[in-house]
Amino acid sequence: MKENKVALILARGGSKRIKGKNFKKFKGEPAISSTIKKLKKSKIFDRIIVSTDSNKIMKISRKAGAETPFKRPKNLSGDHIPDRPVVKHCIKFLNDKNYKFSFLCLVYPVNPFLRIVDIKKGLIKVKRKKEGYVFSAVKYQFPFFRSFVFIKKKMKMIFEKYYKKRSQDLKQIFCDAGQFYWGSKKTWINEKKRFSKNSDIVEIPQWRYHDIDTPDDWKKAEKIIEINL
């Protein structure tokens, strides 16, 4: 039996630090449009759904090839609402419509460094798991255990026991790259912990990890794309 796969893009209309962030043009195209087209090009997903509270984003998303079968309710559109309740809202909508699917991939709309090959790797890995997530991750650029704080002109190592350790002997630390999150329908419904022994990662190179939270971040990301693509 076919295992239907859903891509869900979370795209609120409000944005404090970058006005209209989700539909702001990145290299001449609305950021969310580029992400939608990439997901369509992958030919992985049976449905690509955008959850938004914005009529403008709904219109842009449909034009790019995604579905907007519902408008996100106000109680799930605030600045501090986590993604889990929003995902469960979408799953409930699909259940109410009797739509059967096995896996859901949560994707963020401003995602210029997202690559189809990584999404495919994630799908292969998540199919092997009974529970847990598969998501993009990147190695910390500098040895995490050698970090320190400098407060009131006083330096203090955070992990003093590693003071005499060579950088190459320290454990490699990863961080969430925030590009995509694969999970089975059951995993999302049960709200399993994202960071657990049951989860796995798709490692991406450091140049493709870039938070875009300020106008300066935006400009930097465009420059990185210019140089590397």
N, C-alpha and C. Protein backbone atom coordinates (compact mmCIF):
# COMPACT_ATOMS: atom_id res chain seq x y z
N MET A 1 0.83 -1.20 0.00
CA MET A 1 0.00 0.00 0.00
C MET A 1 0.87 1.25 0.00
N LYS A 2 0.47 2.24 -0.77
CA LYS A 2 1.25 3.47 -0.87
C LYS A 2 1.26 4.22 0.46
N GLU A 3 2.44 4.71 0.83
CA GLU A 3 2.58 5.51 2.05
C GLU A 3 2.58 6.99 1.67
N ASN A 4 1.43 7.63 1.77
CA ASN A 4 1.34 9.04 1.40
C ASN A 4 2.20 9.90 2.32
N LYS A 5 2.76 10.92 1.72
CA LYS A 5 3.66 11.82 2.46
C LYS A 5 3.18 13.27 2.29
N VAL A 6 3.16 13.98 3.40
CA VAL A 6 2.69 15.37 3.43
C VAL A 6 3.83 16.30 3.82
N ALA A 7 3.97 17.39 3.10
CA ALA A 7 4.89 18.46 3.51
C ALA A 7 4.03 19.57 4.10
N LEU A 8 4.40 20.03 5.26
CA LEU A 8 3.66 21.10 5.92
C LEU A 8 4.59 22.28 6.17
N ILE A 9 4.23 23.43 5.60
CA ILE A 9 5.01 24.65 5.77
C ILE A 9 4.26 25.57 6.74
N LEU A 10 4.94 26.00 7.78
CA LEU A 10 4.35 26.91 8.77
C LEU A 10 4.75 28.34 8.43
N ALA A 11 3.77 29.18 8.14
CA ALA A 11 4.10 30.53 7.65
C ALA A 11 3.12 31.57 8.18
N ARG A 12 3.40 32.08 9.36
CA ARG A 12 2.57 33.16 9.91
C ARG A 12 2.74 34.44 9.11
N GLY A 13 1.75 35.29 9.19
CA GLY A 13 1.83 36.57 8.50
C GLY A 13 2.64 37.60 9.27
N GLY A 14 2.62 37.50 10.58
CA GLY A 14 3.33 38.48 11.40
C GLY A 14 4.80 38.13 11.56
N SER A 15 5.63 39.17 11.54
CA SER A 15 7.06 38.99 11.77
C SER A 15 7.61 40.27 12.36
N LYS A 16 8.24 40.15 13.50
CA LYS A 16 8.69 41.34 14.21
C LYS A 16 10.01 41.91 13.68
N ARG A 17 10.99 41.04 13.49
CA ARG A 17 12.33 41.53 13.15
C ARG A 17 12.52 41.78 11.65
N ILE A 18 11.88 40.97 10.82
CA ILE A 18 11.93 41.20 9.38
C ILE A 18 10.49 41.28 8.90
N LYS A 19 10.05 42.45 8.53
CA LYS A 19 8.66 42.66 8.13
C LYS A 19 8.31 41.82 6.91
N GLY A 20 7.21 41.07 7.01
CA GLY A 20 6.78 40.24 5.89
C GLY A 20 7.80 39.19 5.51
N LYS A 21 8.49 38.66 6.51
CA LYS A 21 9.61 37.75 6.27
C LYS A 21 9.27 36.59 5.33
N ASN A 22 8.13 35.96 5.54
CA ASN A 22 7.82 34.74 4.80
C ASN A 22 7.50 34.99 3.32
N PHE A 23 7.11 36.20 2.98
CA PHE A 23 6.86 36.49 1.57
C PHE A 23 7.80 37.57 1.01
N LYS A 24 8.74 38.00 1.83
CA LYS A 24 9.75 38.94 1.36
C LYS A 24 10.54 38.29 0.23
N LYS A 25 10.91 39.06 -0.78
CA LYS A 25 11.61 38.49 -1.92
C LYS A 25 13.07 38.19 -1.59
N PHE A 26 13.45 36.96 -1.86
CA PHE A 26 14.83 36.51 -1.70
C PHE A 26 15.36 36.19 -3.08
N LYS A 27 16.34 36.93 -3.52
CA LYS A 27 16.87 36.79 -4.88
C LYS A 27 15.75 36.90 -5.93
N GLY A 28 14.84 37.86 -5.70
CA GLY A 28 13.82 38.17 -6.69
C GLY A 28 12.54 37.38 -6.62
N GLU A 29 12.40 36.48 -5.63
CA GLU A 29 11.21 35.65 -5.53
C GLU A 29 10.79 35.54 -4.07
N PRO A 30 9.46 35.56 -3.79
CA PRO A 30 9.04 35.40 -2.40
C PRO A 30 9.68 34.15 -1.78
N ALA A 31 10.21 34.31 -0.59
CA ALA A 31 10.95 33.22 0.05
C ALA A 31 10.14 31.93 0.11
N ILE A 32 8.87 32.04 0.46
CA ILE A 32 8.05 30.83 0.59
C ILE A 32 7.81 30.18 -0.76
N SER A 33 7.73 30.97 -1.83
CA SER A 33 7.53 30.41 -3.17
C SER A 33 8.69 29.52 -3.57
N SER A 34 9.89 29.97 -3.28
CA SER A 34 11.07 29.19 -3.61
C SER A 34 11.07 27.84 -2.88
N THR A 35 10.67 27.86 -1.63
CA THR A 35 10.61 26.63 -0.84
C THR A 35 9.56 25.67 -1.37
N ILE A 36 8.40 26.20 -1.69
CA ILE A 36 7.32 25.37 -2.24
C ILE A 36 7.75 24.71 -3.55
N LYS A 37 8.36 25.48 -4.42
CA LYS A 37 8.79 24.96 -5.72
C LYS A 37 9.84 23.86 -5.56
N LYS A 38 10.69 24.03 -4.55
CA LYS A 38 11.71 23.02 -4.29
C LYS A 38 11.06 21.71 -3.84
N LEU A 39 10.06 21.82 -2.98
CA LEU A 39 9.35 20.63 -2.50
C LEU A 39 8.60 19.94 -3.64
N LYS A 40 8.01 20.73 -4.52
CA LYS A 40 7.31 20.16 -5.68
C LYS A 40 8.30 19.45 -6.61
N LYS A 41 9.43 20.08 -6.83
CA LYS A 41 10.44 19.52 -7.72
C LYS A 41 10.97 18.19 -7.20
N SER A 42 10.97 18.01 -5.89
CA SER A 42 11.48 16.78 -5.30
C SER A 42 10.64 15.55 -5.67
N LYS A 43 9.35 15.77 -5.96
CA LYS A 43 8.41 14.70 -6.31
C LYS A 43 8.27 13.67 -5.19
N ILE A 44 8.53 14.12 -3.98
CA ILE A 44 8.42 13.24 -2.81
C ILE A 44 7.00 13.25 -2.25
N PHE A 45 6.38 14.42 -2.26
CA PHE A 45 5.18 14.64 -1.48
C PHE A 45 3.89 14.50 -2.29
N ASP A 46 2.91 13.89 -1.64
CA ASP A 46 1.59 13.76 -2.26
C ASP A 46 0.78 15.04 -2.06
N ARG A 47 1.09 15.75 -0.98
CA ARG A 47 0.43 17.04 -0.74
C ARG A 47 1.43 17.99 -0.09
N ILE A 48 1.39 19.24 -0.51
CA ILE A 48 2.20 20.30 0.10
C ILE A 48 1.23 21.32 0.64
N ILE A 49 1.17 21.45 1.95
CA ILE A 49 0.18 22.29 2.62
C ILE A 49 0.87 23.43 3.36
N VAL A 50 0.30 24.61 3.24
CA VAL A 50 0.80 25.78 3.97
C VAL A 50 -0.21 26.15 5.05
N SER A 51 0.27 26.21 6.29
CA SER A 51 -0.57 26.64 7.41
C SER A 51 -0.24 28.10 7.71
N THR A 52 -1.19 28.98 7.46
CA THR A 52 -0.95 30.41 7.66
C THR A 52 -2.21 31.13 8.10
N ASP A 53 -2.02 32.27 8.71
CA ASP A 53 -3.13 33.13 9.11
C ASP A 53 -3.26 34.32 8.17
N SER A 54 -2.46 34.34 7.11
CA SER A 54 -2.37 35.48 6.21
C SER A 54 -2.99 35.19 4.84
N ASN A 55 -3.93 36.05 4.43
CA ASN A 55 -4.53 35.90 3.10
C ASN A 55 -3.49 36.08 2.01
N LYS A 56 -2.54 36.98 2.24
CA LYS A 56 -1.50 37.25 1.24
C LYS A 56 -0.62 36.01 1.05
N ILE A 57 -0.23 35.39 2.15
CA ILE A 57 0.60 34.19 2.05
C ILE A 57 -0.18 33.06 1.40
N MET A 58 -1.45 32.96 1.69
CA MET A 58 -2.28 31.93 1.06
C MET A 58 -2.28 32.10 -0.46
N LYS A 59 -2.42 33.31 -0.91
CA LYS A 59 -2.47 33.58 -2.35
C LYS A 59 -1.12 33.26 -3.01
N ILE A 60 -0.04 33.70 -2.38
CA ILE A 60 1.31 33.45 -2.92
C ILE A 60 1.60 31.95 -2.94
N SER A 61 1.18 31.26 -1.90
CA SER A 61 1.45 29.82 -1.78
C SER A 61 0.71 29.03 -2.86
N ARG A 62 -0.54 29.38 -3.09
CA ARG A 62 -1.31 28.69 -4.13
C ARG A 62 -0.71 28.92 -5.51
N LYS A 63 -0.27 30.14 -5.75
CA LYS A 63 0.35 30.46 -7.03
C LYS A 63 1.63 29.63 -7.25
N ALA A 64 2.36 29.35 -6.18
CA ALA A 64 3.61 28.58 -6.27
C ALA A 64 3.35 27.08 -6.38
N GLY A 65 2.11 26.66 -6.09
CA GLY A 65 1.78 25.25 -6.25
C GLY A 65 1.44 24.49 -4.99
N ALA A 66 1.27 25.19 -3.87
CA ALA A 66 0.91 24.53 -2.61
C ALA A 66 -0.59 24.64 -2.36
N GLU A 67 -1.06 23.89 -1.39
CA GLU A 67 -2.45 23.96 -0.96
C GLU A 67 -2.58 24.85 0.28
N THR A 68 -3.69 25.54 0.38
CA THR A 68 -4.03 26.26 1.60
C THR A 68 -5.48 25.90 1.94
N PRO A 69 -5.70 24.67 2.37
CA PRO A 69 -7.08 24.18 2.56
C PRO A 69 -7.78 24.73 3.80
N PHE A 70 -7.04 25.46 4.62
CA PHE A 70 -7.64 26.06 5.81
C PHE A 70 -6.84 27.30 6.18
N LYS A 71 -7.47 28.16 6.98
CA LYS A 71 -6.75 29.32 7.51
C LYS A 71 -6.45 29.04 8.98
N ARG A 72 -5.21 29.25 9.36
CA ARG A 72 -4.82 28.93 10.73
C ARG A 72 -5.59 29.81 11.72
N PRO A 73 -6.16 29.23 12.76
CA PRO A 73 -6.92 30.03 13.74
C PRO A 73 -6.01 30.96 14.54
N LYS A 74 -6.62 32.02 15.05
CA LYS A 74 -5.86 33.04 15.78
C LYS A 74 -5.15 32.48 17.00
N ASN A 75 -5.76 31.52 17.67
CA ASN A 75 -5.15 30.98 18.89
C ASN A 75 -3.89 30.16 18.61
N LEU A 76 -3.62 29.91 17.32
CA LEU A 76 -2.40 29.19 16.94
C LEU A 76 -1.48 30.07 16.11
N SER A 77 -1.70 31.37 16.16
CA SER A 77 -0.94 32.29 15.31
C SER A 77 -0.13 33.32 16.08
N GLY A 78 0.00 33.14 17.38
CA GLY A 78 0.75 34.10 18.18
C GLY A 78 2.26 33.93 18.06
N ASP A 79 3.00 34.91 18.58
CA ASP A 79 4.47 34.92 18.49
C ASP A 79 5.12 33.75 19.24
N HIS A 80 4.46 33.27 20.28
CA HIS A 80 5.10 32.28 21.14
C HIS A 80 4.45 30.89 21.04
N ILE A 81 3.69 30.66 19.99
CA ILE A 81 3.07 29.36 19.81
C ILE A 81 4.10 28.39 19.23
N PRO A 82 4.36 27.26 19.89
CA PRO A 82 5.31 26.28 19.34
C PRO A 82 4.73 25.58 18.12
N ASP A 83 5.56 24.86 17.39
CA ASP A 83 5.08 24.26 16.15
C ASP A 83 4.21 23.02 16.36
N ARG A 84 4.37 22.31 17.47
CA ARG A 84 3.63 21.06 17.68
C ARG A 84 2.11 21.23 17.57
N PRO A 85 1.50 22.20 18.29
CA PRO A 85 0.04 22.36 18.19
C PRO A 85 -0.42 22.70 16.76
N VAL A 86 0.42 23.43 16.02
CA VAL A 86 0.06 23.81 14.65
C VAL A 86 0.10 22.58 13.75
N VAL A 87 1.08 21.72 13.96
CA VAL A 87 1.16 20.47 13.19
C VAL A 87 -0.05 19.59 13.50
N LYS A 88 -0.38 19.47 14.78
CA LYS A 88 -1.51 18.63 15.17
C LYS A 88 -2.83 19.19 14.62
N HIS A 89 -2.92 20.50 14.50
CA HIS A 89 -4.11 21.12 13.91
C HIS A 89 -4.28 20.68 12.46
N CYS A 90 -3.16 20.65 11.72
CA CYS A 90 -3.20 20.20 10.32
C CYS A 90 -3.56 18.72 10.24
N ILE A 91 -2.98 17.91 11.11
CA ILE A 91 -3.27 16.48 11.09
C ILE A 91 -4.74 16.22 11.39
N LYS A 92 -5.28 16.97 12.34
CA LYS A 92 -6.71 16.82 12.66
C LYS A 92 -7.56 17.17 11.45
N PHE A 93 -7.18 18.23 10.75
CA PHE A 93 -7.92 18.63 9.55
C PHE A 93 -7.91 17.50 8.52
N LEU A 94 -6.75 16.91 8.30
CA LEU A 94 -6.63 15.82 7.32
C LEU A 94 -7.40 14.58 7.78
N ASN A 95 -7.35 14.30 9.08
CA ASN A 95 -8.12 13.16 9.61
C ASN A 95 -9.62 13.37 9.42
N ASP A 96 -10.07 14.59 9.67
CA ASP A 96 -11.50 14.90 9.51
C ASP A 96 -11.94 14.76 8.07
N LYS A 97 -11.00 14.92 7.14
CA LYS A 97 -11.30 14.77 5.71
C LYS A 97 -11.04 13.34 5.23
N ASN A 98 -10.71 12.46 6.19
CA ASN A 98 -10.42 11.05 5.90
C ASN A 98 -9.25 10.87 4.94
N TYR A 99 -8.27 11.78 5.02
CA TYR A 99 -7.09 11.65 4.18
C TYR A 99 -6.05 10.81 4.92
N LYS A 100 -5.62 9.73 4.28
CA LYS A 100 -4.68 8.81 4.90
C LYS A 100 -3.25 9.16 4.48
N PHE A 101 -2.36 9.25 5.44
CA PHE A 101 -0.94 9.46 5.13
C PHE A 101 -0.10 8.84 6.22
N SER A 102 1.17 8.58 5.90
CA SER A 102 2.06 7.89 6.82
C SER A 102 3.11 8.80 7.44
N PHE A 103 3.61 9.75 6.64
CA PHE A 103 4.71 10.60 7.11
C PHE A 103 4.41 12.07 6.82
N LEU A 104 4.88 12.92 7.74
CA LEU A 104 4.74 14.36 7.56
C LEU A 104 6.10 15.01 7.75
N CYS A 105 6.44 15.90 6.83
CA CYS A 105 7.70 16.63 6.92
C CYS A 105 7.39 18.10 7.17
N LEU A 106 7.78 18.58 8.33
CA LEU A 106 7.60 19.99 8.68
C LEU A 106 8.75 20.79 8.07
N VAL A 107 8.40 21.85 7.34
CA VAL A 107 9.40 22.66 6.65
C VAL A 107 9.14 24.13 6.96
N TYR A 108 10.21 24.89 7.16
CA TYR A 108 10.04 26.32 7.38
C TYR A 108 10.12 27.08 6.07
N PRO A 109 9.37 28.17 5.95
CA PRO A 109 9.21 28.85 4.65
C PRO A 109 10.44 29.57 4.13
N VAL A 110 11.19 30.23 5.00
CA VAL A 110 12.41 30.93 4.56
C VAL A 110 13.55 29.93 4.66
N ASN A 111 13.84 29.27 3.54
CA ASN A 111 14.70 28.09 3.56
C ASN A 111 15.59 28.01 2.32
N PRO A 112 16.35 29.06 2.02
CA PRO A 112 17.13 29.09 0.78
C PRO A 112 18.23 28.05 0.68
N PHE A 113 18.65 27.49 1.83
CA PHE A 113 19.73 26.51 1.82
C PHE A 113 19.23 25.07 1.86
N LEU A 114 17.92 24.90 1.81
CA LEU A 114 17.32 23.57 1.78
C LEU A 114 17.67 22.86 0.48
N ARG A 115 17.99 21.58 0.57
CA ARG A 115 18.34 20.79 -0.62
C ARG A 115 17.46 19.54 -0.70
N ILE A 116 17.03 19.23 -1.90
CA ILE A 116 16.18 18.06 -2.12
C ILE A 116 16.87 16.78 -1.68
N VAL A 117 18.16 16.68 -1.95
CA VAL A 117 18.89 15.47 -1.59
C VAL A 117 18.84 15.21 -0.09
N ASP A 118 18.84 16.26 0.72
CA ASP A 118 18.77 16.10 2.18
C ASP A 118 17.38 15.63 2.61
N ILE A 119 16.35 16.16 1.98
CA ILE A 119 14.98 15.73 2.30
C ILE A 119 14.81 14.25 1.98
N LYS A 120 15.39 13.82 0.86
CA LYS A 120 15.30 12.42 0.46
C LYS A 120 16.05 11.52 1.44
N LYS A 121 17.21 11.97 1.89
CA LYS A 121 17.95 11.21 2.89
C LYS A 121 17.13 11.08 4.17
N GLY A 122 16.47 12.16 4.53
CA GLY A 122 15.64 12.14 5.74
C GLY A 122 14.49 11.16 5.62
N LEU A 123 13.88 11.10 4.44
CA LEU A 123 12.76 10.17 4.23
C LEU A 123 13.24 8.72 4.35
N ILE A 124 14.37 8.41 3.77
CA ILE A 124 14.92 7.05 3.86
C ILE A 124 15.13 6.66 5.32
N LYS A 125 15.67 7.59 6.10
CA LYS A 125 15.96 7.30 7.50
C LYS A 125 14.69 7.17 8.33
N VAL A 126 13.71 8.04 8.09
CA VAL A 126 12.51 8.02 8.92
C VAL A 126 11.68 6.77 8.65
N LYS A 127 11.78 6.22 7.46
CA LYS A 127 11.05 4.99 7.14
C LYS A 127 11.55 3.80 7.94
N ARG A 128 12.78 3.89 8.43
CA ARG A 128 13.36 2.80 9.21
C ARG A 128 12.97 2.88 10.69
N LYS A 129 12.37 3.99 11.07
CA LYS A 129 12.11 4.22 12.48
C LYS A 129 10.64 3.98 12.82
N LYS A 130 10.42 3.42 14.01
CA LYS A 130 9.05 3.24 14.48
C LYS A 130 8.57 4.51 15.18
N GLU A 131 9.50 5.23 15.75
CA GLU A 131 9.16 6.50 16.41
C GLU A 131 10.40 7.38 16.38
N GLY A 132 10.21 8.65 16.67
CA GLY A 132 11.34 9.58 16.60
C GLY A 132 11.34 10.35 15.29
N TYR A 133 12.14 11.40 15.26
CA TYR A 133 12.20 12.30 14.11
C TYR A 133 13.53 12.16 13.38
N VAL A 134 13.56 12.69 12.18
CA VAL A 134 14.80 12.85 11.43
C VAL A 134 14.84 14.30 10.97
N PHE A 135 15.91 15.00 11.30
CA PHE A 135 15.98 16.41 10.95
C PHE A 135 17.40 16.83 10.57
N SER A 136 17.49 17.99 9.95
CA SER A 136 18.79 18.51 9.52
C SER A 136 19.59 19.01 10.71
N ALA A 137 20.89 18.77 10.67
CA ALA A 137 21.77 19.20 11.76
C ALA A 137 23.13 19.58 11.20
N VAL A 138 23.86 20.36 11.97
CA VAL A 138 25.18 20.82 11.53
C VAL A 138 26.14 20.77 12.70
N LYS A 139 27.41 20.51 12.40
CA LYS A 139 28.42 20.50 13.45
C LYS A 139 28.69 21.93 13.91
N TYR A 140 28.92 22.09 15.21
CA TYR A 140 29.35 23.39 15.70
C TYR A 140 30.70 23.72 15.09
N GLN A 141 30.85 24.97 14.70
CA GLN A 141 32.07 25.37 14.01
C GLN A 141 33.29 25.32 14.91
N PHE A 142 33.11 25.64 16.19
CA PHE A 142 34.22 25.66 17.13
C PHE A 142 33.98 24.62 18.23
N PRO A 143 35.05 24.12 18.83
CA PRO A 143 34.88 23.11 19.90
C PRO A 143 34.03 23.66 21.05
N PHE A 144 32.86 23.11 21.21
CA PHE A 144 31.89 23.60 22.18
C PHE A 144 32.42 23.53 23.61
N PHE A 145 33.13 22.45 23.93
CA PHE A 145 33.58 22.24 25.30
C PHE A 145 34.75 23.14 25.71
N ARG A 146 35.26 23.90 24.74
CA ARG A 146 36.32 24.87 25.06
C ARG A 146 35.75 26.29 25.21
N SER A 147 34.44 26.41 25.25
CA SER A 147 33.81 27.72 25.32
C SER A 147 33.93 28.32 26.73
N PHE A 148 33.79 29.63 26.79
CA PHE A 148 33.91 30.33 28.06
C PHE A 148 33.04 31.58 28.06
N VAL A 149 32.82 32.14 29.23
CA VAL A 149 32.08 33.39 29.36
C VAL A 149 33.07 34.47 29.81
N PHE A 150 32.75 35.71 29.45
CA PHE A 150 33.60 36.84 29.83
C PHE A 150 32.70 37.93 30.36
N ILE A 151 32.54 37.95 31.68
CA ILE A 151 31.61 38.88 32.32
C ILE A 151 32.36 39.75 33.32
N LYS A 152 32.12 41.05 33.24
CA LYS A 152 32.78 42.02 34.13
C LYS A 152 34.30 41.85 34.12
N LYS A 153 34.81 41.67 32.92
CA LYS A 153 36.25 41.55 32.68
C LYS A 153 36.86 40.31 33.34
N LYS A 154 36.01 39.35 33.60
CA LYS A 154 36.50 38.10 34.18
C LYS A 154 36.13 36.93 33.27
N MET A 155 37.12 36.09 33.00
CA MET A 155 36.92 34.94 32.12
C MET A 155 36.70 33.69 32.95
N LYS A 156 35.74 32.87 32.50
CA LYS A 156 35.48 31.60 33.18
C LYS A 156 35.06 30.56 32.15
N MET A 157 35.77 29.44 32.13
CA MET A 157 35.40 28.35 31.23
C MET A 157 34.10 27.71 31.70
N ILE A 158 33.26 27.34 30.76
CA ILE A 158 31.98 26.71 31.10
C ILE A 158 32.21 25.26 31.51
N PHE A 159 33.14 24.61 30.83
CA PHE A 159 33.46 23.21 31.14
C PHE A 159 34.94 23.12 31.52
N GLU A 160 35.24 23.45 32.77
CA GLU A 160 36.63 23.54 33.21
C GLU A 160 37.38 22.21 33.14
N LYS A 161 36.67 21.10 33.26
CA LYS A 161 37.35 19.79 33.25
C LYS A 161 37.98 19.47 31.89
N TYR A 162 37.58 20.24 30.86
CA TYR A 162 38.16 20.00 29.54
C TYR A 162 39.29 20.97 29.21
N TYR A 163 39.73 21.72 30.20
CA TYR A 163 40.73 22.76 29.96
C TYR A 163 42.00 22.20 29.30
N LYS A 164 42.45 21.05 29.75
CA LYS A 164 43.71 20.49 29.26
C LYS A 164 43.52 19.55 28.05
N LYS A 165 42.28 19.41 27.63
CA LYS A 165 42.00 18.53 26.49
C LYS A 165 42.32 19.23 25.17
N ARG A 166 42.85 18.46 24.22
CA ARG A 166 43.07 19.00 22.89
C ARG A 166 41.73 19.08 22.16
N SER A 167 41.60 20.07 21.31
CA SER A 167 40.34 20.24 20.58
C SER A 167 39.93 18.98 19.84
N GLN A 168 40.90 18.32 19.21
CA GLN A 168 40.60 17.13 18.41
C GLN A 168 40.18 15.93 19.25
N ASP A 169 40.38 16.01 20.57
CA ASP A 169 39.99 14.91 21.45
C ASP A 169 38.61 15.09 22.06
N LEU A 170 38.00 16.22 21.83
CA LEU A 170 36.68 16.50 22.39
C LEU A 170 35.57 15.91 21.52
N LYS A 171 34.45 15.61 22.12
CA LYS A 171 33.31 15.09 21.38
C LYS A 171 32.79 16.13 20.39
N GLN A 172 32.34 15.65 19.22
CA GLN A 172 31.76 16.56 18.24
C GLN A 172 30.32 16.87 18.64
N ILE A 173 30.00 18.15 18.67
CA ILE A 173 28.66 18.60 19.05
C ILE A 173 27.92 19.09 17.81
N PHE A 174 26.63 18.72 17.73
CA PHE A 174 25.78 19.15 16.62
C PHE A 174 24.68 20.08 17.13
N CYS A 175 24.13 20.87 16.23
CA CYS A 175 22.96 21.68 16.56
C CYS A 175 21.92 21.53 15.46
N ASP A 176 20.68 21.77 15.82
CA ASP A 176 19.55 21.69 14.91
C ASP A 176 19.69 22.77 13.84
N ALA A 177 19.66 22.38 12.56
CA ALA A 177 19.81 23.35 11.47
C ALA A 177 18.49 24.01 11.08
N GLY A 178 17.37 23.50 11.57
CA GLY A 178 16.09 24.15 11.38
C GLY A 178 15.56 24.19 9.96
N GLN A 179 15.89 23.21 9.13
CA GLN A 179 15.42 23.21 7.75
C GLN A 179 14.19 22.33 7.55
N PHE A 180 14.22 21.12 8.11
CA PHE A 180 13.08 20.21 7.96
C PHE A 180 13.07 19.20 9.10
N TYR A 181 11.88 18.63 9.33
CA TYR A 181 11.69 17.63 10.39
C TYR A 181 10.74 16.55 9.88
N TRP A 182 11.28 15.38 9.63
CA TRP A 182 10.45 14.23 9.22
C TRP A 182 9.95 13.50 10.47
N GLY A 183 8.73 13.04 10.39
CA GLY A 183 8.20 12.20 11.45
C GLY A 183 7.01 11.42 10.94
N SER A 184 6.76 10.25 11.51
CA SER A 184 5.55 9.51 11.14
C SER A 184 4.34 10.25 11.70
N LYS A 185 3.20 9.95 11.17
CA LYS A 185 1.96 10.55 11.67
C LYS A 185 1.81 10.28 13.16
N LYS A 186 2.10 9.04 13.56
CA LYS A 186 1.98 8.65 14.97
C LYS A 186 2.93 9.44 15.85
N THR A 187 4.16 9.64 15.36
CA THR A 187 5.16 10.39 16.13
C THR A 187 4.68 11.82 16.39
N TRP A 188 4.14 12.47 15.36
CA TRP A 188 3.66 13.84 15.52
C TRP A 188 2.46 13.90 16.47
N ILE A 189 1.53 12.98 16.31
CA ILE A 189 0.33 12.99 17.15
C ILE A 189 0.69 12.78 18.62
N ASN A 190 1.63 11.87 18.86
CA ASN A 190 2.02 11.57 20.25
C ASN A 190 3.00 12.58 20.83
N GLU A 191 3.39 13.57 20.00
CA GLU A 191 4.30 14.64 20.44
C GLU A 191 5.56 14.07 21.10
N LYS A 192 6.18 13.13 20.39
CA LYS A 192 7.44 12.58 20.88
C LYS A 192 8.50 13.67 20.97
N LYS A 193 9.44 13.50 21.88
CA LYS A 193 10.53 14.46 22.02
C LYS A 193 11.38 14.47 20.76
N ARG A 194 11.70 15.67 20.29
CA ARG A 194 12.50 15.78 19.07
C ARG A 194 13.94 15.36 19.31
N PHE A 195 14.48 15.74 20.46
CA PHE A 195 15.85 15.38 20.78
C PHE A 195 15.84 14.17 21.72
N SER A 196 15.93 13.00 21.12
CA SER A 196 15.89 11.78 21.91
C SER A 196 16.72 10.70 21.22
N LYS A 197 16.91 9.60 21.90
CA LYS A 197 17.70 8.48 21.34
C LYS A 197 17.00 7.88 20.13
N ASN A 198 15.72 8.16 19.95
CA ASN A 198 14.98 7.59 18.84
C ASN A 198 15.07 8.44 17.56
N SER A 199 15.64 9.63 17.67
CA SER A 199 15.73 10.51 16.51
C SER A 199 17.06 10.33 15.78
N ASP A 200 17.11 10.84 14.57
CA ASP A 200 18.31 10.75 13.75
C ASP A 200 18.48 12.07 13.01
N ILE A 201 19.64 12.25 12.39
CA ILE A 201 19.91 13.51 11.70
C ILE A 201 20.38 13.29 10.27
N VAL A 202 20.22 14.34 9.48
CA VAL A 202 20.86 14.45 8.17
C VAL A 202 21.83 15.61 8.31
N GLU A 203 23.11 15.31 8.27
CA GLU A 203 24.11 16.36 8.46
C GLU A 203 24.25 17.21 7.20
N ILE A 204 24.27 18.53 7.38
CA ILE A 204 24.49 19.44 6.27
C ILE A 204 25.80 20.19 6.50
N PRO A 205 26.43 20.68 5.43
CA PRO A 205 27.69 21.41 5.61
C PRO A 205 27.46 22.76 6.28
N GLN A 206 28.48 23.28 6.92
CA GLN A 206 28.34 24.50 7.71
C GLN A 206 27.94 25.71 6.88
N TRP A 207 28.37 25.75 5.62
CA TRP A 207 28.03 26.94 4.82
C TRP A 207 26.54 27.01 4.51
N ARG A 208 25.83 25.88 4.67
CA ARG A 208 24.39 25.89 4.43
C ARG A 208 23.57 26.01 5.72
N TYR A 209 24.23 26.37 6.79
CA TYR A 209 23.51 26.63 8.04
C TYR A 209 23.57 28.13 8.32
N HIS A 210 22.41 28.76 8.26
CA HIS A 210 22.39 30.21 8.46
C HIS A 210 21.02 30.66 8.95
N ASP A 211 20.94 31.10 10.20
CA ASP A 211 19.69 31.65 10.72
C ASP A 211 19.41 32.99 10.05
N ILE A 212 18.17 33.19 9.65
CA ILE A 212 17.79 34.45 9.02
C ILE A 212 16.75 35.12 9.91
N ASP A 213 17.23 35.93 10.85
CA ASP A 213 16.35 36.56 11.83
C ASP A 213 16.36 38.08 11.76
N THR A 214 17.36 38.66 11.09
CA THR A 214 17.46 40.12 10.99
C THR A 214 17.70 40.51 9.54
N PRO A 215 17.51 41.79 9.19
CA PRO A 215 17.81 42.25 7.84
C PRO A 215 19.25 41.97 7.42
N ASP A 216 20.19 42.07 8.37
CA ASP A 216 21.59 41.77 8.06
C ASP A 216 21.77 40.29 7.72
N ASP A 217 21.07 39.42 8.47
CA ASP A 217 21.12 37.98 8.17
C ASP A 217 20.64 37.72 6.76
N TRP A 218 19.58 38.43 6.38
CA TRP A 218 18.98 38.26 5.05
C TRP A 218 20.00 38.60 3.95
N LYS A 219 20.64 39.74 4.11
CA LYS A 219 21.63 40.17 3.13
C LYS A 219 22.80 39.20 3.06
N LYS A 220 23.24 38.72 4.22
CA LYS A 220 24.35 37.78 4.27
C LYS A 220 23.98 36.48 3.55
N ALA A 221 22.76 36.01 3.77
CA ALA A 221 22.31 34.77 3.13
C ALA A 221 22.30 34.92 1.62
N GLU A 222 21.86 36.05 1.13
CA GLU A 222 21.85 36.28 -0.32
C GLU A 222 23.27 36.26 -0.89
N LYS A 223 24.20 36.81 -0.14
CA LYS A 223 25.60 36.83 -0.58
C LYS A 223 26.18 35.41 -0.61
N ILE A 224 25.84 34.63 0.41
CA ILE A 224 26.33 33.25 0.49
C ILE A 224 25.82 32.43 -0.70
N ILE A 225 24.55 32.64 -1.04
CA ILE A 225 23.96 31.94 -2.19
C ILE A 225 24.68 32.35 -3.48
N GLU A 226 24.96 33.63 -3.61
CA GLU A 226 25.66 34.12 -4.81
C GLU A 226 27.02 33.46 -4.98
N ILE A 227 27.73 33.33 -3.88
CA ILE A 227 29.09 32.79 -3.93
C ILE A 227 29.11 31.29 -4.21
N ASN A 228 28.15 30.57 -3.62
CA ASN A 228 28.21 29.10 -3.66
C ASN A 228 27.36 28.45 -4.74
N LEU A 229 26.48 29.20 -5.38
CA LEU A 229 25.61 28.58 -6.38
C LEU A 229 25.81 29.22 -7.75
